[in-house]
Amino acid sequence: LEWTEASIKIYLDDVLFYELTNSASLPFNADFFLILN
């Protein structure tokens, strides 16, 4: 995952397959924690 104030990008083996434009209206500009299950 590459996560910035501008975008969220997700890769498989360094190949991009997901991208979401981030913005102030979304909750992706604060702390998050990791989960594995």
Full PDB file with SEQRES, HELIX, SHEET, SSBOND, CRYST1, ORIGX, SCALE, CONECT and MASTER records, all heavy atoms in Angstrom:
SEQRES   1 A   37  LEU GLU TRP THR GLU ALA SER ILE LYS ILE TYR LEU ASP          
SEQRES   2 A   37  ASP VAL LEU PHE TYR GLU LEU THR ASN SER ALA SER LEU          
SEQRES   3 A   37  PRO PHE ASN ALA ASP PHE PHE LEU ILE LEU ASN                  
SHEET    1 AA1 3 GLU A   2  TRP A   3  0                                        
SHEET    2 AA1 3 SER A   7  LEU A  12 -1                                        
SHEET    3 AA1 3 VAL A  15  THR A  21 -1                                        
CRYST1    1.000    1.000    1.000  90.00  90.00  90.00 P 1           1          
ORIGX1      1.000000  0.000000  0.000000        0.00000                         
ORIGX2      0.000000  1.000000  0.000000        0.00000                         
ORIGX3      0.000000  0.000000  1.000000        0.00000                         
SCALE1      1.000000  0.000000  0.000000        0.00000                         
SCALE2      0.000000  1.000000  0.000000        0.00000                         
SCALE3      0.000000  0.000000  1.000000        0.00000                         
ATOM      1  N   LEU A   1       0.854  -1.189   0.000  1.00  0.00           N  
ATOM      2  CA  LEU A   1       0.000   0.000   0.000  1.00  0.00           C  
ATOM      3  C   LEU A   1       0.883   1.230   0.000  1.00  0.00           C  
ATOM      4  O   LEU A   1       1.845   1.315   0.765  1.00  0.00           O  
ATOM      5  CB  LEU A   1      -0.894   0.000   1.248  1.00  0.00           C  
ATOM      6  CG  LEU A   1      -1.507   1.344   1.674  1.00  0.00           C  
ATOM      7  CD1 LEU A   1      -2.666   1.718   0.755  1.00  0.00           C  
ATOM      8  CD2 LEU A   1      -1.973   1.295   3.130  1.00  0.00           C  
ATOM      9  N   GLU A   2       0.558   2.205  -0.863  1.00  0.00           N  
ATOM     10  CA  GLU A   2       1.162   3.537  -0.804  1.00  0.00           C  
ATOM     11  C   GLU A   2       0.038   4.527  -0.511  1.00  0.00           C  
ATOM     12  O   GLU A   2      -0.893   4.670  -1.304  1.00  0.00           O  
ATOM     13  CB  GLU A   2       1.868   3.880  -2.112  1.00  0.00           C  
ATOM     14  CG  GLU A   2       3.130   3.064  -2.339  1.00  0.00           C  
ATOM     15  CD  GLU A   2       3.890   3.475  -3.594  1.00  0.00           C  
ATOM     16  OE1 GLU A   2       3.392   4.365  -4.327  1.00  0.00           O  
ATOM     17  OE2 GLU A   2       4.971   2.924  -3.838  1.00  0.00           O  
ATOM     18  N   TRP A   3       0.161   5.196   0.619  1.00  0.00           N  
ATOM     19  CA  TRP A   3      -0.941   6.008   1.153  1.00  0.00           C  
ATOM     20  C   TRP A   3      -0.425   7.419   1.407  1.00  0.00           C  
ATOM     21  O   TRP A   3       0.509   7.613   2.190  1.00  0.00           O  
ATOM     22  CB  TRP A   3      -1.446   5.337   2.430  1.00  0.00           C  
ATOM     23  CG  TRP A   3      -2.416   6.101   3.271  1.00  0.00           C  
ATOM     24  CD1 TRP A   3      -3.337   7.020   2.883  1.00  0.00           C  
ATOM     25  CD2 TRP A   3      -2.557   5.971   4.694  1.00  0.00           C  
ATOM     26  NE1 TRP A   3      -4.050   7.476   3.947  1.00  0.00           N  
ATOM     27  CE2 TRP A   3      -3.597   6.845   5.077  1.00  0.00           C  
ATOM     28  CE3 TRP A   3      -1.915   5.203   5.663  1.00  0.00           C  
ATOM     29  CZ2 TRP A   3      -3.991   6.977   6.420  1.00  0.00           C  
ATOM     30  CZ3 TRP A   3      -2.323   5.327   6.979  1.00  0.00           C  
ATOM     31  CH2 TRP A   3      -3.341   6.206   7.349  1.00  0.00           C  
ATOM     32  N   THR A   4      -1.006   8.393   0.727  1.00  0.00           N  
ATOM     33  CA  THR A   4      -0.641   9.802   0.902  1.00  0.00           C  
ATOM     34  C   THR A   4      -1.917  10.623   1.037  1.00  0.00           C  
ATOM     35  O   THR A   4      -3.029  10.101   0.894  1.00  0.00           O  
ATOM     36  CB  THR A   4       0.174  10.327  -0.294  1.00  0.00           C  
ATOM     37  OG1 THR A   4      -0.691  10.427  -1.451  1.00  0.00           O  
ATOM     38  CG2 THR A   4       1.351   9.410  -0.615  1.00  0.00           C  
ATOM     39  N   GLU A   5      -1.755  11.905   1.261  1.00  0.00           N  
ATOM     40  CA  GLU A   5      -2.926  12.779   1.333  1.00  0.00           C  
ATOM     41  C   GLU A   5      -3.585  12.928  -0.030  1.00  0.00           C  
ATOM     42  O   GLU A   5      -4.730  13.382  -0.122  1.00  0.00           O  
ATOM     43  CB  GLU A   5      -2.536  14.154   1.880  1.00  0.00           C  
ATOM     44  CG  GLU A   5      -1.549  14.909   1.026  1.00  0.00           C  
ATOM     45  CD  GLU A   5      -1.191  16.258   1.643  1.00  0.00           C  
ATOM     46  OE1 GLU A   5      -1.956  16.730   2.500  1.00  0.00           O  
ATOM     47  OE2 GLU A   5      -0.150  16.823   1.254  1.00  0.00           O  
ATOM     48  N   ALA A   6      -2.887  12.527  -1.101  1.00  0.00           N  
ATOM     49  CA  ALA A   6      -3.432  12.659  -2.445  1.00  0.00           C  
ATOM     50  C   ALA A   6      -4.092  11.386  -2.951  1.00  0.00           C  
ATOM     51  O   ALA A   6      -5.031  11.448  -3.755  1.00  0.00           O  
ATOM     52  CB  ALA A   6      -2.331  13.076  -3.424  1.00  0.00           C  
ATOM     53  N   SER A   7      -3.628  10.216  -2.517  1.00  0.00           N  
ATOM     54  CA  SER A   7      -4.158   8.974  -3.092  1.00  0.00           C  
ATOM     55  C   SER A   7      -3.872   7.767  -2.213  1.00  0.00           C  
ATOM     56  O   SER A   7      -3.013   7.812  -1.324  1.00  0.00           O  
ATOM     57  CB  SER A   7      -3.547   8.736  -4.482  1.00  0.00           C  
ATOM     58  OG  SER A   7      -2.155   8.512  -4.374  1.00  0.00           O  
ATOM     59  N   ILE A   8      -4.587   6.694  -2.502  1.00  0.00           N  
ATOM     60  CA  ILE A   8      -4.338   5.373  -1.927  1.00  0.00           C  
ATOM     61  C   ILE A   8      -4.094   4.431  -3.092  1.00  0.00           C  
ATOM     62  O   ILE A   8      -4.965   4.256  -3.955  1.00  0.00           O  
ATOM     63  CB  ILE A   8      -5.529   4.899  -1.077  1.00  0.00           C  
ATOM     64  CG1 ILE A   8      -5.674   5.787   0.163  1.00  0.00           C  
ATOM     65  CG2 ILE A   8      -5.370   3.441  -0.680  1.00  0.00           C  
ATOM     66  CD1 ILE A   8      -6.925   5.513   0.973  1.00  0.00           C  
ATOM     67  N   LYS A   9      -2.914   3.838  -3.146  1.00  0.00           N  
ATOM     68  CA  LYS A   9      -2.544   2.931  -4.228  1.00  0.00           C  
ATOM     69  C   LYS A   9      -2.171   1.574  -3.636  1.00  0.00           C  
ATOM     70  O   LYS A   9      -1.449   1.525  -2.638  1.00  0.00           O  
ATOM     71  CB  LYS A   9      -1.367   3.485  -5.035  1.00  0.00           C  
ATOM     72  CG  LYS A   9      -1.654   4.818  -5.713  1.00  0.00           C  
ATOM     73  CD  LYS A   9      -0.424   5.314  -6.479  1.00  0.00           C  
ATOM     74  CE  LYS A   9      -0.696   6.646  -7.148  1.00  0.00           C  
ATOM     75  NZ  LYS A   9       0.491   7.139  -7.915  1.00  0.00           N  
ATOM     76  N   ILE A  10      -2.638   0.518  -4.266  1.00  0.00           N  
ATOM     77  CA  ILE A  10      -2.378  -0.831  -3.777  1.00  0.00           C  
ATOM     78  C   ILE A  10      -1.777  -1.654  -4.912  1.00  0.00           C  
ATOM     79  O   ILE A  10      -2.228  -1.575  -6.063  1.00  0.00           O  
ATOM     80  CB  ILE A  10      -3.658  -1.471  -3.225  1.00  0.00           C  
ATOM     81  CG1 ILE A  10      -4.169  -0.630  -2.021  1.00  0.00           C  
ATOM     82  CG2 ILE A  10      -3.414  -2.913  -2.796  1.00  0.00           C  
ATOM     83  CD1 ILE A  10      -5.487  -1.090  -1.449  1.00  0.00           C  
ATOM     84  N   TYR A  11      -0.751  -2.437  -4.557  1.00  0.00           N  
ATOM     85  CA  TYR A  11       0.037  -3.170  -5.548  1.00  0.00           C  
ATOM     86  C   TYR A  11       0.093  -4.648  -5.202  1.00  0.00           C  
ATOM     87  O   TYR A  11       0.054  -5.039  -4.032  1.00  0.00           O  
ATOM     88  CB  TYR A  11       1.483  -2.655  -5.563  1.00  0.00           C  
ATOM     89  CG  TYR A  11       1.657  -1.192  -5.888  1.00  0.00           C  
ATOM     90  CD1 TYR A  11       1.392  -0.202  -4.935  1.00  0.00           C  
ATOM     91  CD2 TYR A  11       2.123  -0.785  -7.139  1.00  0.00           C  
ATOM     92  CE1 TYR A  11       1.563   1.141  -5.229  1.00  0.00           C  
ATOM     93  CE2 TYR A  11       2.318   0.554  -7.439  1.00  0.00           C  
ATOM     94  CZ  TYR A  11       2.029   1.507  -6.475  1.00  0.00           C  
ATOM     95  OH  TYR A  11       2.217   2.842  -6.770  1.00  0.00           O  
ATOM     96  N   LEU A  12       0.226  -5.460  -6.236  1.00  0.00           N  
ATOM     97  CA  LEU A  12       0.572  -6.867  -6.090  1.00  0.00           C  
ATOM     98  C   LEU A  12       1.919  -7.082  -6.776  1.00  0.00           C  
ATOM     99  O   LEU A  12       2.035  -6.847  -7.990  1.00  0.00           O  
ATOM    100  CB  LEU A  12      -0.492  -7.766  -6.728  1.00  0.00           C  
ATOM    101  CG  LEU A  12      -0.111  -9.247  -6.862  1.00  0.00           C  
ATOM    102  CD1 LEU A  12       0.124  -9.878  -5.503  1.00  0.00           C  
ATOM    103  CD2 LEU A  12      -1.161 -10.005  -7.653  1.00  0.00           C  
ATOM    104  N   ASP A  13       2.916  -7.500  -6.008  1.00  0.00           N  
ATOM    105  CA  ASP A  13       4.266  -7.714  -6.562  1.00  0.00           C  
ATOM    106  C   ASP A  13       4.727  -6.501  -7.362  1.00  0.00           C  
ATOM    107  O   ASP A  13       5.225  -6.609  -8.497  1.00  0.00           O  
ATOM    108  CB  ASP A  13       4.289  -8.978  -7.429  1.00  0.00           C  
ATOM    109  CG  ASP A  13       4.059 -10.239  -6.611  1.00  0.00           C  
ATOM    110  OD1 ASP A  13       4.462 -10.260  -5.434  1.00  0.00           O  
ATOM    111  OD2 ASP A  13       3.467 -11.194  -7.143  1.00  0.00           O  
ATOM    112  N   ASP A  14       4.528  -5.308  -6.772  1.00  0.00           N  
ATOM    113  CA  ASP A  14       4.958  -4.023  -7.331  1.00  0.00           C  
ATOM    114  C   ASP A  14       4.180  -3.587  -8.565  1.00  0.00           C  
ATOM    115  O   ASP A  14       4.577  -2.629  -9.239  1.00  0.00           O  
ATOM    116  CB  ASP A  14       6.462  -4.036  -7.653  1.00  0.00           C  
ATOM    117  CG  ASP A  14       7.324  -4.200  -6.415  1.00  0.00           C  
ATOM    118  OD1 ASP A  14       6.958  -3.639  -5.366  1.00  0.00           O  
ATOM    119  OD2 ASP A  14       8.357  -4.881  -6.490  1.00  0.00           O  
ATOM    120  N   VAL A  15       3.076  -4.256  -8.889  1.00  0.00           N  
ATOM    121  CA  VAL A  15       2.230  -3.853 -10.016  1.00  0.00           C  
ATOM    122  C   VAL A  15       0.960  -3.215  -9.469  1.00  0.00           C  
ATOM    123  O   VAL A  15       0.198  -3.855  -8.734  1.00  0.00           O  
ATOM    124  CB  VAL A  15       1.887  -5.049 -10.918  1.00  0.00           C  
ATOM    125  CG1 VAL A  15       0.936  -4.614 -12.026  1.00  0.00           C  
ATOM    126  CG2 VAL A  15       3.154  -5.650 -11.507  1.00  0.00           C  
ATOM    127  N   LEU A  16       0.729  -1.963  -9.815  1.00  0.00           N  
ATOM    128  CA  LEU A  16      -0.439  -1.231  -9.328  1.00  0.00           C  
ATOM    129  C   LEU A  16      -1.722  -1.825  -9.893  1.00  0.00           C  
ATOM    130  O   LEU A  16      -1.830  -2.054 -11.091  1.00  0.00           O  
ATOM    131  CB  LEU A  16      -0.329   0.241  -9.753  1.00  0.00           C  
ATOM    132  CG  LEU A  16      -1.498   1.157  -9.375  1.00  0.00           C  
ATOM    133  CD1 LEU A  16      -1.518   1.414  -7.879  1.00  0.00           C  
ATOM    134  CD2 LEU A  16      -1.409   2.477 -10.139  1.00  0.00           C  
ATOM    135  N   PHE A  17      -2.703  -2.100  -9.036  1.00  0.00           N  
ATOM    136  CA  PHE A  17      -4.000  -2.545  -9.537  1.00  0.00           C  
ATOM    137  C   PHE A  17      -5.170  -1.830  -8.863  1.00  0.00           C  
ATOM    138  O   PHE A  17      -6.333  -2.075  -9.219  1.00  0.00           O  
ATOM    139  CB  PHE A  17      -4.162  -4.064  -9.398  1.00  0.00           C  
ATOM    140  CG  PHE A  17      -4.392  -4.574  -7.997  1.00  0.00           C  
ATOM    141  CD1 PHE A  17      -5.678  -4.832  -7.544  1.00  0.00           C  
ATOM    142  CD2 PHE A  17      -3.333  -4.797  -7.133  1.00  0.00           C  
ATOM    143  CE1 PHE A  17      -5.905  -5.314  -6.262  1.00  0.00           C  
ATOM    144  CE2 PHE A  17      -3.547  -5.281  -5.851  1.00  0.00           C  
ATOM    145  CZ  PHE A  17      -4.832  -5.536  -5.411  1.00  0.00           C  
ATOM    146  N   TYR A  18      -4.868  -0.930  -7.928  1.00  0.00           N  
ATOM    147  CA  TYR A  18      -5.949  -0.192  -7.247  1.00  0.00           C  
ATOM    148  C   TYR A  18      -5.488   1.232  -6.990  1.00  0.00           C  
ATOM    149  O   TYR A  18      -4.346   1.462  -6.555  1.00  0.00           O  
ATOM    150  CB  TYR A  18      -6.289  -0.865  -5.914  1.00  0.00           C  
ATOM    151  CG  TYR A  18      -7.342  -0.135  -5.101  1.00  0.00           C  
ATOM    152  CD1 TYR A  18      -8.673  -0.517  -5.163  1.00  0.00           C  
ATOM    153  CD2 TYR A  18      -7.015   0.937  -4.279  1.00  0.00           C  
ATOM    154  CE1 TYR A  18      -9.654   0.150  -4.419  1.00  0.00           C  
ATOM    155  CE2 TYR A  18      -7.982   1.611  -3.542  1.00  0.00           C  
ATOM    156  CZ  TYR A  18      -9.300   1.214  -3.605  1.00  0.00           C  
ATOM    157  OH  TYR A  18     -10.259   1.870  -2.885  1.00  0.00           O  
ATOM    158  N   GLU A  19      -6.388   2.202  -7.243  1.00  0.00           N  
ATOM    159  CA  GLU A  19      -6.067   3.589  -6.913  1.00  0.00           C  
ATOM    160  C   GLU A  19      -7.345   4.346  -6.561  1.00  0.00           C  
ATOM    161  O   GLU A  19      -8.347   4.268  -7.276  1.00  0.00           O  
ATOM    162  CB  GLU A  19      -5.365   4.276  -8.079  1.00  0.00           C  
ATOM    163  CG  GLU A  19      -4.952   5.708  -7.767  1.00  0.00           C  
ATOM    164  CD  GLU A  19      -4.071   6.331  -8.827  1.00  0.00           C  
ATOM    165  OE1 GLU A  19      -3.808   5.656  -9.858  1.00  0.00           O  
ATOM    166  OE2 GLU A  19      -3.635   7.482  -8.643  1.00  0.00           O  
ATOM    167  N   LEU A  20      -7.306   5.045  -5.457  1.00  0.00           N  
ATOM    168  CA  LEU A  20      -8.411   5.891  -5.000  1.00  0.00           C  
ATOM    169  C   LEU A  20      -7.864   7.279  -4.712  1.00  0.00           C  
ATOM    170  O   LEU A  20      -6.858   7.422  -4.018  1.00  0.00           O  
ATOM    171  CB  LEU A  20      -9.050   5.306  -3.740  1.00  0.00           C  
ATOM    172  CG  LEU A  20     -10.131   6.172  -3.060  1.00  0.00           C  
ATOM    173  CD1 LEU A  20     -11.396   6.204  -3.914  1.00  0.00           C  
ATOM    174  CD2 LEU A  20     -10.447   5.648  -1.665  1.00  0.00           C  
ATOM    175  N   THR A  21      -8.505   8.292  -5.256  1.00  0.00           N  
ATOM    176  CA  THR A  21      -8.106   9.661  -4.956  1.00  0.00           C  
ATOM    177  C   THR A  21      -8.528  10.023  -3.539  1.00  0.00           C  
ATOM    178  O   THR A  21      -9.708   9.907  -3.188  1.00  0.00           O  
ATOM    179  CB  THR A  21      -8.738  10.642  -5.957  1.00  0.00           C  
ATOM    180  OG1 THR A  21      -8.305  10.297  -7.277  1.00  0.00           O  
ATOM    181  CG2 THR A  21      -8.326  12.069  -5.649  1.00  0.00           C  
ATOM    182  N   ASN A  22      -7.578  10.438  -2.726  1.00  0.00           N  
ATOM    183  CA  ASN A  22      -7.873  10.830  -1.348  1.00  0.00           C  
ATOM    184  C   ASN A  22      -8.283  12.299  -1.319  1.00  0.00           C  
ATOM    185  O   ASN A  22      -7.913  13.085  -2.194  1.00  0.00           O  
ATOM    186  CB  ASN A  22      -6.639  10.597  -0.477  1.00  0.00           C  
ATOM    187  CG  ASN A  22      -6.979  10.534   1.000  1.00  0.00           C  
ATOM    188  OD1 ASN A  22      -8.150  10.589   1.388  1.00  0.00           O  
ATOM    189  ND2 ASN A  22      -5.967  10.411   1.838  1.00  0.00           N  
ATOM    190  N   SER A  23      -9.039  12.672  -0.310  1.00  0.00           N  
ATOM    191  CA  SER A  23      -9.473  14.068  -0.175  1.00  0.00           C  
ATOM    192  C   SER A  23      -9.820  14.347   1.280  1.00  0.00           C  
ATOM    193  O   SER A  23      -9.936  13.426   2.097  1.00  0.00           O  
ATOM    194  CB  SER A  23     -10.694  14.347  -1.058  1.00  0.00           C  
ATOM    195  OG  SER A  23     -11.845  13.689  -0.555  1.00  0.00           O  
ATOM    196  N   ALA A  24     -10.020  15.617   1.584  1.00  0.00           N  
ATOM    197  CA  ALA A  24     -10.318  16.030   2.954  1.00  0.00           C  
ATOM    198  C   ALA A  24     -11.671  15.500   3.426  1.00  0.00           C  
ATOM    199  O   ALA A  24     -11.924  15.411   4.633  1.00  0.00           O  
ATOM    200  CB  ALA A  24     -10.283  17.555   3.061  1.00  0.00           C  
ATOM    201  N   SER A  25     -12.550  15.122   2.479  1.00  0.00           N  
ATOM    202  CA  SER A  25     -13.873  14.632   2.862  1.00  0.00           C  
ATOM    203  C   SER A  25     -13.864  13.154   3.257  1.00  0.00           C  
ATOM    204  O   SER A  25     -14.867  12.637   3.740  1.00  0.00           O  
ATOM    205  CB  SER A  25     -14.853  14.836   1.699  1.00  0.00           C  
ATOM    206  OG  SER A  25     -14.486  14.039   0.585  1.00  0.00           O  
ATOM    207  N   LEU A  26     -12.739  12.474   3.051  1.00  0.00           N  
ATOM    208  CA  LEU A  26     -12.626  11.055   3.371  1.00  0.00           C  
ATOM    209  C   LEU A  26     -11.906  10.872   4.705  1.00  0.00           C  
ATOM    210  O   LEU A  26     -11.152  11.754   5.134  1.00  0.00           O  
ATOM    211  CB  LEU A  26     -11.871  10.331   2.259  1.00  0.00           C  
ATOM    212  CG  LEU A  26     -12.547  10.327   0.886  1.00  0.00           C  
ATOM    213  CD1 LEU A  26     -11.653   9.662  -0.151  1.00  0.00           C  
ATOM    214  CD2 LEU A  26     -13.898   9.628   0.944  1.00  0.00           C  
ATOM    215  N   PRO A  27     -12.082   9.724   5.353  1.00  0.00           N  
ATOM    216  CA  PRO A  27     -11.466   9.515   6.671  1.00  0.00           C  
ATOM    217  C   PRO A  27     -10.018   9.045   6.597  1.00  0.00           C  
ATOM    218  O   PRO A  27      -9.455   8.679   7.628  1.00  0.00           O  
ATOM    219  CB  PRO A  27     -12.354   8.426   7.282  1.00  0.00           C  
ATOM    220  CG  PRO A  27     -12.834   7.634   6.115  1.00  0.00           C  
ATOM    221  CD  PRO A  27     -13.010   8.625   5.000  1.00  0.00           C  
ATOM    222  N   PHE A  28      -9.420   9.077   5.400  1.00  0.00           N  
ATOM    223  CA  PHE A  28      -8.085   8.504   5.220  1.00  0.00           C  
ATOM    224  C   PHE A  28      -6.983   9.550   5.398  1.00  0.00           C  
ATOM    225  O   PHE A  28      -5.996   9.558   4.653  1.00  0.00           O  
ATOM    226  CB  PHE A  28      -7.996   7.835   3.851  1.00  0.00           C  
ATOM    227  CG  PHE A  28      -9.106   6.847   3.602  1.00  0.00           C  
ATOM    228  CD1 PHE A  28     -10.023   7.035   2.582  1.00  0.00           C  
ATOM    229  CD2 PHE A  28      -9.252   5.731   4.422  1.00  0.00           C  
ATOM    230  CE1 PHE A  28     -11.050   6.141   2.367  1.00  0.00           C  
ATOM    231  CE2 PHE A  28     -10.277   4.816   4.218  1.00  0.00           C  
ATOM    232  CZ  PHE A  28     -11.186   5.027   3.191  1.00  0.00           C  
ATOM    233  N   ASN A  29      -7.175  10.416   6.351  1.00  0.00           N  
ATOM    234  CA  ASN A  29      -6.186  11.450   6.654  1.00  0.00           C  
ATOM    235  C   ASN A  29      -5.945  11.530   8.158  1.00  0.00           C  
ATOM    236  O   ASN A  29      -5.689  12.603   8.712  1.00  0.00           O  
ATOM    237  CB  ASN A  29      -6.651  12.811   6.106  1.00  0.00           C  
ATOM    238  CG  ASN A  29      -6.808  12.803   4.602  1.00  0.00           C  
ATOM    239  OD1 ASN A  29      -5.828  12.798   3.861  1.00  0.00           O  
ATOM    240  ND2 ASN A  29      -8.054  12.763   4.128  1.00  0.00           N  
ATOM    241  N   ALA A  30      -6.022  10.375   8.796  1.00  0.00           N  
ATOM    242  CA  ALA A  30      -5.801  10.265  10.238  1.00  0.00           C  
ATOM    243  C   ALA A  30      -5.096   8.938  10.501  1.00  0.00           C  
ATOM    244  O   ALA A  30      -4.835   8.167   9.580  1.00  0.00           O  
ATOM    245  CB  ALA A  30      -7.138  10.335  10.977  1.00  0.00           C  
ATOM    246  N   ASP A  31      -4.779   8.683  11.772  1.00  0.00           N  
ATOM    247  CA  ASP A  31      -4.061   7.452  12.120  1.00  0.00           C  
ATOM    248  C   ASP A  31      -4.900   6.208  11.852  1.00  0.00           C  
ATOM    249  O   ASP A  31      -6.123   6.195  12.080  1.00  0.00           O  
ATOM    250  CB  ASP A  31      -3.672   7.473  13.600  1.00  0.00           C  
ATOM    251  CG  ASP A  31      -2.467   8.358  13.865  1.00  0.00           C  
ATOM    252  OD1 ASP A  31      -1.840   8.800  12.878  1.00  0.00           O  
ATOM    253  OD2 ASP A  31      -2.165   8.597  15.038  1.00  0.00           O  
ATOM    254  N   PHE A  32      -4.224   5.152  11.403  1.00  0.00           N  
ATOM    255  CA  PHE A  32      -4.819   3.830  11.213  1.00  0.00           C  
ATOM    256  C   PHE A  32      -3.936   2.794  11.906  1.00  0.00           C  
ATOM    257  O   PHE A  32      -2.777   3.059  12.232  1.00  0.00           O  
ATOM    258  CB  PHE A  32      -4.922   3.486   9.719  1.00  0.00           C  
ATOM    259  CG  PHE A  32      -6.183   3.986   9.056  1.00  0.00           C  
ATOM    260  CD1 PHE A  32      -6.465   5.343   8.989  1.00  0.00           C  
ATOM    261  CD2 PHE A  32      -7.082   3.100   8.488  1.00  0.00           C  
ATOM    262  CE1 PHE A  32      -7.616   5.809   8.369  1.00  0.00           C  
ATOM    263  CE2 PHE A  32      -8.240   3.551   7.868  1.00  0.00           C  
ATOM    264  CZ  PHE A  32      -8.516   4.909   7.812  1.00  0.00           C  
ATOM    265  N   PHE A  33      -4.492   1.599  12.157  1.00  0.00           N  
ATOM    266  CA  PHE A  33      -3.686   0.497  12.676  1.00  0.00           C  
ATOM    267  C   PHE A  33      -3.834  -0.718  11.767  1.00  0.00           C  
ATOM    268  O   PHE A  33      -4.774  -0.814  10.967  1.00  0.00           O  
ATOM    269  CB  PHE A  33      -4.054   0.156  14.124  1.00  0.00           C  
ATOM    270  CG  PHE A  33      -5.490  -0.272  14.342  1.00  0.00           C  
ATOM    271  CD1 PHE A  33      -5.861  -1.610  14.239  1.00  0.00           C  
ATOM    272  CD2 PHE A  33      -6.474   0.665  14.685  1.00  0.00           C  
ATOM    273  CE1 PHE A  33      -7.170  -2.007  14.463  1.00  0.00           C  
ATOM    274  CE2 PHE A  33      -7.788   0.271  14.905  1.00  0.00           C  
ATOM    275  CZ  PHE A  33      -8.139  -1.068  14.789  1.00  0.00           C  
ATOM    276  N   LEU A  34      -2.904  -1.659  11.885  1.00  0.00           N  
ATOM    277  CA  LEU A  34      -2.819  -2.827  11.013  1.00  0.00           C  
ATOM    278  C   LEU A  34      -3.579  -4.019  11.587  1.00  0.00           C  
ATOM    279  O   LEU A  34      -3.634  -4.198  12.809  1.00  0.00           O  
ATOM    280  CB  LEU A  34      -1.360  -3.219  10.813  1.00  0.00           C  
ATOM    281  CG  LEU A  34      -0.467  -2.189  10.117  1.00  0.00           C  
ATOM    282  CD1 LEU A  34       0.994  -2.478  10.408  1.00  0.00           C  
ATOM    283  CD2 LEU A  34      -0.736  -2.193   8.625  1.00  0.00           C  
ATOM    284  N   ILE A  35      -4.124  -4.862  10.698  1.00  0.00           N  
ATOM    285  CA  ILE A  35      -4.829  -6.077  11.108  1.00  0.00           C  
ATOM    286  C   ILE A  35      -4.458  -7.213  10.152  1.00  0.00           C  
ATOM    287  O   ILE A  35      -4.397  -7.024   8.936  1.00  0.00           O  
ATOM    288  CB  ILE A  35      -6.364  -5.887  11.096  1.00  0.00           C  
ATOM    289  CG1 ILE A  35      -6.772  -4.660  11.922  1.00  0.00           C  
ATOM    290  CG2 ILE A  35      -7.073  -7.141  11.616  1.00  0.00           C  
ATOM    291  CD1 ILE A  35      -8.250  -4.332  11.828  1.00  0.00           C  
ATOM    292  N   LEU A  36      -4.235  -8.404  10.724  1.00  0.00           N  
ATOM    293  CA  LEU A  36      -3.990  -9.631   9.956  1.00  0.00           C  
ATOM    294  C   LEU A  36      -4.930 -10.697  10.478  1.00  0.00           C  
ATOM    295  O   LEU A  36      -5.008 -10.917  11.697  1.00  0.00           O  
ATOM    296  CB  LEU A  36      -2.546 -10.105  10.121  1.00  0.00           C  
ATOM    297  CG  LEU A  36      -1.420  -9.108   9.849  1.00  0.00           C  
ATOM    298  CD1 LEU A  36      -0.085  -9.687  10.295  1.00  0.00           C  
ATOM    299  CD2 LEU A  36      -1.378  -8.739   8.375  1.00  0.00           C  
ATOM    300  N   ASN A  37      -5.653 -11.390   9.603  1.00  0.00           N  
ATOM    301  CA  ASN A  37      -6.547 -12.435  10.095  1.00  0.00           C  
ATOM    302  C   ASN A  37      -6.923 -13.411   8.998  1.00  0.00           C  
ATOM    303  O   ASN A  37      -6.778 -13.128   7.801  1.00  0.00           O  
ATOM    304  CB  ASN A  37      -7.820 -11.842  10.702  1.00  0.00           C  
ATOM    305  CG  ASN A  37      -8.748 -11.237   9.674  1.00  0.00           C  
ATOM    306  OD1 ASN A  37      -8.501 -10.110   9.203  1.00  0.00           O  
ATOM    307  ND2 ASN A  37      -9.801 -11.942   9.325  1.00  0.00           N  
TER     308      ASN A  37                                                      
MASTER        0    0    0    0    3    0    0    6  307    1    0    3          
END                                                                             
